[in-house]
Amino acid sequence: MKKEIRINVELDNDQVPEKIVWNADDLETNDVPVRALLLSLWDHNNKDTLRLDLWTKDMSRDEMKIFFYETLKTMADTLQKSVDDERIAGDMRDFCAYFAEKMNIAEKPDS
């Protein structure tokens, strides 16, 4: 089985993203607009991370703070699932709480 994920980016004359839209084979909606993306890919041959970080010019500072907080929190969950280390994932979640406090954003309660 093969699935496809597509990301389309429209740039202004200065090569700054104006619009980001993503699609995936199993999304119920097409052309989902987003204001930011952080894509990390592991290059096992070179033991290096390839990254693509984009955000549109209408992404607010407050939205970016929340986006980073939620991304970090999700990374803690992924770390726990992938390496089965609850202690270090808990430390990362503690940092997320610290990050939220320092950025003056309200932490969402765990669901």
N, C-alpha and C. Protein backbone atom coordinates (compact mmCIF):
# COMPACT_ATOMS: atom_id res chain seq x y z
N MET A 1 0.84 -1.18 0.00
CA MET A 1 0.00 0.00 0.00
C MET A 1 0.89 1.24 0.00
N LYS A 2 0.41 2.25 -0.67
CA LYS A 2 1.15 3.49 -0.78
C LYS A 2 0.21 4.66 -0.52
N LYS A 3 0.65 5.61 0.26
CA LYS A 3 -0.12 6.82 0.55
C LYS A 3 0.70 8.03 0.12
N GLU A 4 0.01 9.09 -0.23
CA GLU A 4 0.70 10.29 -0.67
C GLU A 4 0.26 11.49 0.16
N ILE A 5 1.25 12.31 0.52
CA ILE A 5 1.02 13.57 1.21
C ILE A 5 1.56 14.67 0.31
N ARG A 6 0.76 15.72 0.10
CA ARG A 6 1.16 16.81 -0.78
C ARG A 6 1.11 18.13 -0.02
N ILE A 7 2.14 18.93 -0.20
CA ILE A 7 2.21 20.25 0.40
C ILE A 7 2.47 21.24 -0.73
N ASN A 8 1.58 22.21 -0.87
CA ASN A 8 1.74 23.26 -1.88
C ASN A 8 1.96 24.59 -1.18
N VAL A 9 2.98 25.31 -1.65
CA VAL A 9 3.34 26.59 -1.05
C VAL A 9 3.32 27.66 -2.14
N GLU A 10 2.56 28.71 -1.89
CA GLU A 10 2.55 29.87 -2.79
C GLU A 10 3.43 30.94 -2.17
N LEU A 11 4.37 31.46 -2.97
CA LEU A 11 5.33 32.46 -2.50
C LEU A 11 5.03 33.82 -3.09
N ASP A 12 5.41 34.87 -2.34
CA ASP A 12 5.30 36.21 -2.91
C ASP A 12 6.56 36.49 -3.73
N ASN A 13 6.73 37.70 -4.20
CA ASN A 13 7.88 38.05 -5.05
C ASN A 13 9.21 37.95 -4.31
N ASP A 14 9.16 38.02 -2.97
CA ASP A 14 10.37 37.91 -2.16
C ASP A 14 10.62 36.49 -1.66
N GLN A 15 9.89 35.53 -2.22
CA GLN A 15 10.02 34.12 -1.84
C GLN A 15 9.55 33.82 -0.42
N VAL A 16 8.64 34.65 0.10
CA VAL A 16 8.06 34.44 1.42
C VAL A 16 6.71 33.73 1.24
N PRO A 17 6.47 32.66 2.00
CA PRO A 17 5.19 31.95 1.85
C PRO A 17 3.98 32.83 2.14
N GLU A 18 3.05 32.85 1.20
CA GLU A 18 1.79 33.55 1.38
C GLU A 18 0.67 32.58 1.72
N LYS A 19 0.78 31.37 1.19
CA LYS A 19 -0.27 30.38 1.39
C LYS A 19 0.36 28.99 1.40
N ILE A 20 -0.05 28.17 2.38
CA ILE A 20 0.38 26.78 2.46
C ILE A 20 -0.87 25.92 2.52
N VAL A 21 -0.92 24.92 1.67
CA VAL A 21 -2.07 24.03 1.60
C VAL A 21 -1.54 22.60 1.60
N TRP A 22 -2.20 21.72 2.36
CA TRP A 22 -1.77 20.31 2.34
C TRP A 22 -2.93 19.40 2.04
N ASN A 23 -2.58 18.26 1.47
CA ASN A 23 -3.53 17.19 1.14
C ASN A 23 -2.89 15.86 1.49
N ALA A 24 -3.73 14.90 1.77
CA ALA A 24 -3.27 13.52 1.98
C ALA A 24 -4.36 12.60 1.45
N ASP A 25 -3.95 11.43 1.02
CA ASP A 25 -4.90 10.49 0.42
C ASP A 25 -6.08 10.19 1.32
N ASP A 26 -5.86 10.13 2.64
CA ASP A 26 -6.97 9.75 3.51
C ASP A 26 -7.56 10.92 4.29
N LEU A 27 -7.34 12.15 3.82
CA LEU A 27 -8.03 13.31 4.41
C LEU A 27 -9.44 13.38 3.85
N GLU A 28 -10.37 13.77 4.70
CA GLU A 28 -11.75 13.91 4.23
C GLU A 28 -11.96 15.19 3.42
N THR A 29 -11.11 16.19 3.67
CA THR A 29 -11.21 17.45 2.95
C THR A 29 -9.97 17.64 2.09
N ASN A 30 -10.14 18.34 0.99
CA ASN A 30 -9.00 18.64 0.12
C ASN A 30 -8.51 20.05 0.39
N ASP A 31 -7.24 20.28 0.07
CA ASP A 31 -6.65 21.62 0.16
C ASP A 31 -6.90 22.27 1.52
N VAL A 32 -6.35 21.66 2.56
CA VAL A 32 -6.48 22.19 3.91
C VAL A 32 -5.45 23.31 4.09
N PRO A 33 -5.91 24.55 4.30
CA PRO A 33 -4.96 25.65 4.48
C PRO A 33 -4.34 25.63 5.87
N VAL A 34 -3.05 25.88 5.94
CA VAL A 34 -2.33 25.97 7.21
C VAL A 34 -1.44 27.20 7.17
N ARG A 35 -1.06 27.68 8.33
CA ARG A 35 -0.19 28.86 8.38
C ARG A 35 1.26 28.51 8.67
N ALA A 36 1.52 27.27 9.10
CA ALA A 36 2.90 26.91 9.41
C ALA A 36 3.08 25.40 9.31
N LEU A 37 4.32 24.99 9.08
CA LEU A 37 4.66 23.57 9.11
C LEU A 37 6.10 23.41 9.53
N LEU A 38 6.35 22.35 10.27
CA LEU A 38 7.70 21.94 10.65
C LEU A 38 7.82 20.49 10.22
N LEU A 39 8.66 20.24 9.26
CA LEU A 39 8.82 18.88 8.73
C LEU A 39 10.24 18.43 9.00
N SER A 40 10.37 17.32 9.69
CA SER A 40 11.69 16.75 9.97
C SER A 40 11.75 15.35 9.39
N LEU A 41 12.83 15.06 8.70
CA LEU A 41 13.02 13.76 8.06
C LEU A 41 14.39 13.22 8.47
N TRP A 42 14.46 11.96 8.85
CA TRP A 42 15.72 11.36 9.28
C TRP A 42 16.43 10.75 8.08
N ASP A 43 17.61 11.24 7.79
CA ASP A 43 18.47 10.70 6.74
C ASP A 43 19.40 9.67 7.39
N HIS A 44 19.03 8.40 7.30
CA HIS A 44 19.79 7.36 8.00
C HIS A 44 21.17 7.15 7.39
N ASN A 45 21.35 7.45 6.12
CA ASN A 45 22.67 7.28 5.50
C ASN A 45 23.69 8.26 6.06
N ASN A 46 23.27 9.49 6.27
CA ASN A 46 24.18 10.51 6.78
C ASN A 46 24.01 10.78 8.28
N LYS A 47 23.08 10.05 8.91
CA LYS A 47 22.79 10.24 10.34
C LYS A 47 22.55 11.72 10.63
N ASP A 48 21.61 12.27 9.89
CA ASP A 48 21.33 13.70 9.97
C ASP A 48 19.84 13.95 9.78
N THR A 49 19.36 15.05 10.32
CA THR A 49 17.96 15.42 10.17
C THR A 49 17.83 16.48 9.07
N LEU A 50 16.93 16.21 8.14
CA LEU A 50 16.60 17.17 7.10
C LEU A 50 15.35 17.91 7.56
N ARG A 51 15.31 19.20 7.37
CA ARG A 51 14.20 19.97 7.92
C ARG A 51 13.64 20.94 6.90
N LEU A 52 12.36 21.18 7.04
CA LEU A 52 11.67 22.21 6.27
C LEU A 52 10.76 22.94 7.24
N ASP A 53 11.08 24.18 7.55
CA ASP A 53 10.28 25.00 8.46
C ASP A 53 9.74 26.18 7.67
N LEU A 54 8.42 26.25 7.56
CA LEU A 54 7.79 27.32 6.80
C LEU A 54 6.63 27.90 7.59
N TRP A 55 6.41 29.19 7.44
CA TRP A 55 5.22 29.83 7.99
C TRP A 55 4.85 30.99 7.09
N THR A 56 3.57 31.25 7.02
CA THR A 56 3.08 32.34 6.17
C THR A 56 3.25 33.68 6.88
N LYS A 57 3.22 34.73 6.10
CA LYS A 57 3.40 36.05 6.70
C LYS A 57 2.22 36.47 7.56
N ASP A 58 1.08 35.77 7.46
CA ASP A 58 -0.05 36.12 8.32
C ASP A 58 -0.12 35.27 9.59
N MET A 59 0.90 34.43 9.83
CA MET A 59 0.98 33.67 11.08
C MET A 59 1.36 34.64 12.20
N SER A 60 0.50 34.75 13.19
CA SER A 60 0.76 35.71 14.28
C SER A 60 1.80 35.15 15.26
N ARG A 61 2.38 36.04 16.02
CA ARG A 61 3.36 35.62 17.03
C ARG A 61 2.70 34.72 18.07
N ASP A 62 1.48 35.07 18.48
CA ASP A 62 0.76 34.25 19.47
C ASP A 62 0.47 32.86 18.92
N GLU A 63 0.07 32.78 17.64
CA GLU A 63 -0.17 31.47 17.03
C GLU A 63 1.13 30.66 16.98
N MET A 64 2.25 31.32 16.68
CA MET A 64 3.54 30.62 16.59
C MET A 64 3.93 30.06 17.95
N LYS A 65 3.70 30.82 19.01
CA LYS A 65 4.02 30.34 20.36
C LYS A 65 3.21 29.07 20.68
N ILE A 66 1.92 29.09 20.38
CA ILE A 66 1.06 27.94 20.63
C ILE A 66 1.48 26.76 19.76
N PHE A 67 1.80 27.05 18.50
CA PHE A 67 2.24 26.01 17.56
C PHE A 67 3.49 25.30 18.09
N PHE A 68 4.47 26.07 18.56
CA PHE A 68 5.69 25.47 19.10
C PHE A 68 5.38 24.66 20.36
N TYR A 69 4.56 25.21 21.24
CA TYR A 69 4.20 24.49 22.46
C TYR A 69 3.55 23.14 22.12
N GLU A 70 2.56 23.16 21.24
CA GLU A 70 1.87 21.93 20.88
C GLU A 70 2.79 20.95 20.16
N THR A 71 3.70 21.46 19.34
CA THR A 71 4.67 20.60 18.65
C THR A 71 5.61 19.93 19.65
N LEU A 72 6.11 20.70 20.60
CA LEU A 72 7.00 20.13 21.62
C LEU A 72 6.29 19.07 22.45
N LYS A 73 5.05 19.35 22.81
CA LYS A 73 4.28 18.39 23.62
C LYS A 73 4.04 17.08 22.84
N THR A 74 3.74 17.21 21.57
CA THR A 74 3.56 16.03 20.72
C THR A 74 4.87 15.25 20.58
N MET A 75 5.98 15.98 20.50
CA MET A 75 7.29 15.32 20.42
C MET A 75 7.56 14.49 21.68
N ALA A 76 7.14 14.99 22.84
CA ALA A 76 7.31 14.23 24.08
C ALA A 76 6.52 12.93 24.01
N ASP A 77 5.28 12.99 23.50
CA ASP A 77 4.47 11.78 23.35
C ASP A 77 5.12 10.79 22.39
N THR A 78 5.63 11.31 21.27
CA THR A 78 6.28 10.45 20.27
C THR A 78 7.55 9.83 20.84
N LEU A 79 8.31 10.61 21.59
CA LEU A 79 9.53 10.10 22.22
C LEU A 79 9.20 8.94 23.16
N GLN A 80 8.15 9.10 23.96
CA GLN A 80 7.78 8.03 24.89
C GLN A 80 7.37 6.77 24.12
N LYS A 81 6.57 6.93 23.08
CA LYS A 81 6.13 5.77 22.30
C LYS A 81 7.28 5.09 21.57
N SER A 82 8.21 5.88 21.04
CA SER A 82 9.25 5.32 20.18
C SER A 82 10.41 4.69 20.93
N VAL A 83 10.80 5.27 22.07
CA VAL A 83 11.94 4.72 22.81
C VAL A 83 11.55 4.16 24.17
N ASP A 84 10.26 4.25 24.50
CA ASP A 84 9.72 3.70 25.74
C ASP A 84 10.50 4.19 26.96
N ASP A 85 10.67 5.51 27.02
CA ASP A 85 11.37 6.10 28.16
C ASP A 85 10.46 7.16 28.78
N GLU A 86 9.67 6.73 29.75
CA GLU A 86 8.69 7.63 30.37
C GLU A 86 9.37 8.75 31.15
N ARG A 87 10.54 8.48 31.72
CA ARG A 87 11.24 9.48 32.52
C ARG A 87 11.64 10.68 31.66
N ILE A 88 12.31 10.43 30.54
CA ILE A 88 12.78 11.54 29.72
C ILE A 88 11.60 12.25 29.04
N ALA A 89 10.57 11.50 28.68
CA ALA A 89 9.37 12.11 28.10
C ALA A 89 8.69 13.01 29.14
N GLY A 90 8.69 12.57 30.40
CA GLY A 90 8.14 13.39 31.47
C GLY A 90 8.94 14.67 31.66
N ASP A 91 10.28 14.55 31.57
CA ASP A 91 11.12 15.74 31.65
C ASP A 91 10.80 16.71 30.51
N MET A 92 10.55 16.17 29.34
CA MET A 92 10.22 17.01 28.20
C MET A 92 8.86 17.69 28.41
N ARG A 93 7.91 16.97 29.00
CA ARG A 93 6.60 17.56 29.31
C ARG A 93 6.74 18.66 30.36
N ASP A 94 7.65 18.46 31.34
CA ASP A 94 7.92 19.51 32.32
C ASP A 94 8.45 20.76 31.62
N PHE A 95 9.35 20.55 30.65
CA PHE A 95 9.85 21.69 29.89
C PHE A 95 8.71 22.38 29.13
N CYS A 96 7.77 21.60 28.59
CA CYS A 96 6.64 22.18 27.87
C CYS A 96 5.83 23.09 28.79
N ALA A 97 5.63 22.67 30.03
CA ALA A 97 4.90 23.50 30.99
C ALA A 97 5.69 24.79 31.27
N TYR A 98 7.00 24.67 31.42
CA TYR A 98 7.88 25.83 31.62
C TYR A 98 7.81 26.76 30.40
N PHE A 99 7.87 26.18 29.21
CA PHE A 99 7.79 26.93 27.96
C PHE A 99 6.48 27.72 27.90
N ALA A 100 5.37 27.04 28.21
CA ALA A 100 4.05 27.69 28.17
C ALA A 100 4.00 28.86 29.16
N GLU A 101 4.57 28.66 30.33
CA GLU A 101 4.60 29.73 31.33
C GLU A 101 5.42 30.91 30.84
N LYS A 102 6.61 30.66 30.33
CA LYS A 102 7.50 31.73 29.88
C LYS A 102 6.95 32.45 28.66
N MET A 103 6.19 31.76 27.83
CA MET A 103 5.61 32.38 26.63
C MET A 103 4.24 32.99 26.90
N ASN A 104 3.80 32.89 28.15
CA ASN A 104 2.49 33.44 28.54
C ASN A 104 1.36 32.85 27.71
N ILE A 105 1.40 31.54 27.56
CA ILE A 105 0.29 30.85 26.90
C ILE A 105 -0.29 29.86 27.90
N ALA A 106 -1.58 29.68 27.83
CA ALA A 106 -2.25 28.76 28.75
C ALA A 106 -2.03 27.32 28.27
N GLU A 107 -1.63 26.46 29.19
CA GLU A 107 -1.51 25.05 28.87
C GLU A 107 -2.90 24.44 28.78
N LYS A 108 -3.11 23.63 27.74
CA LYS A 108 -4.37 22.90 27.63
C LYS A 108 -4.30 21.71 28.55
N PRO A 109 -5.38 21.38 29.25
CA PRO A 109 -5.35 20.19 30.10
C PRO A 109 -5.20 18.94 29.23
N ASP A 110 -4.51 17.94 29.77
CA ASP A 110 -4.38 16.67 29.02
C ASP A 110 -5.74 16.05 28.84
N SER A 111 -5.92 15.48 27.64
CA SER A 111 -7.22 14.82 27.40
C SER A 111 -7.10 13.33 27.51
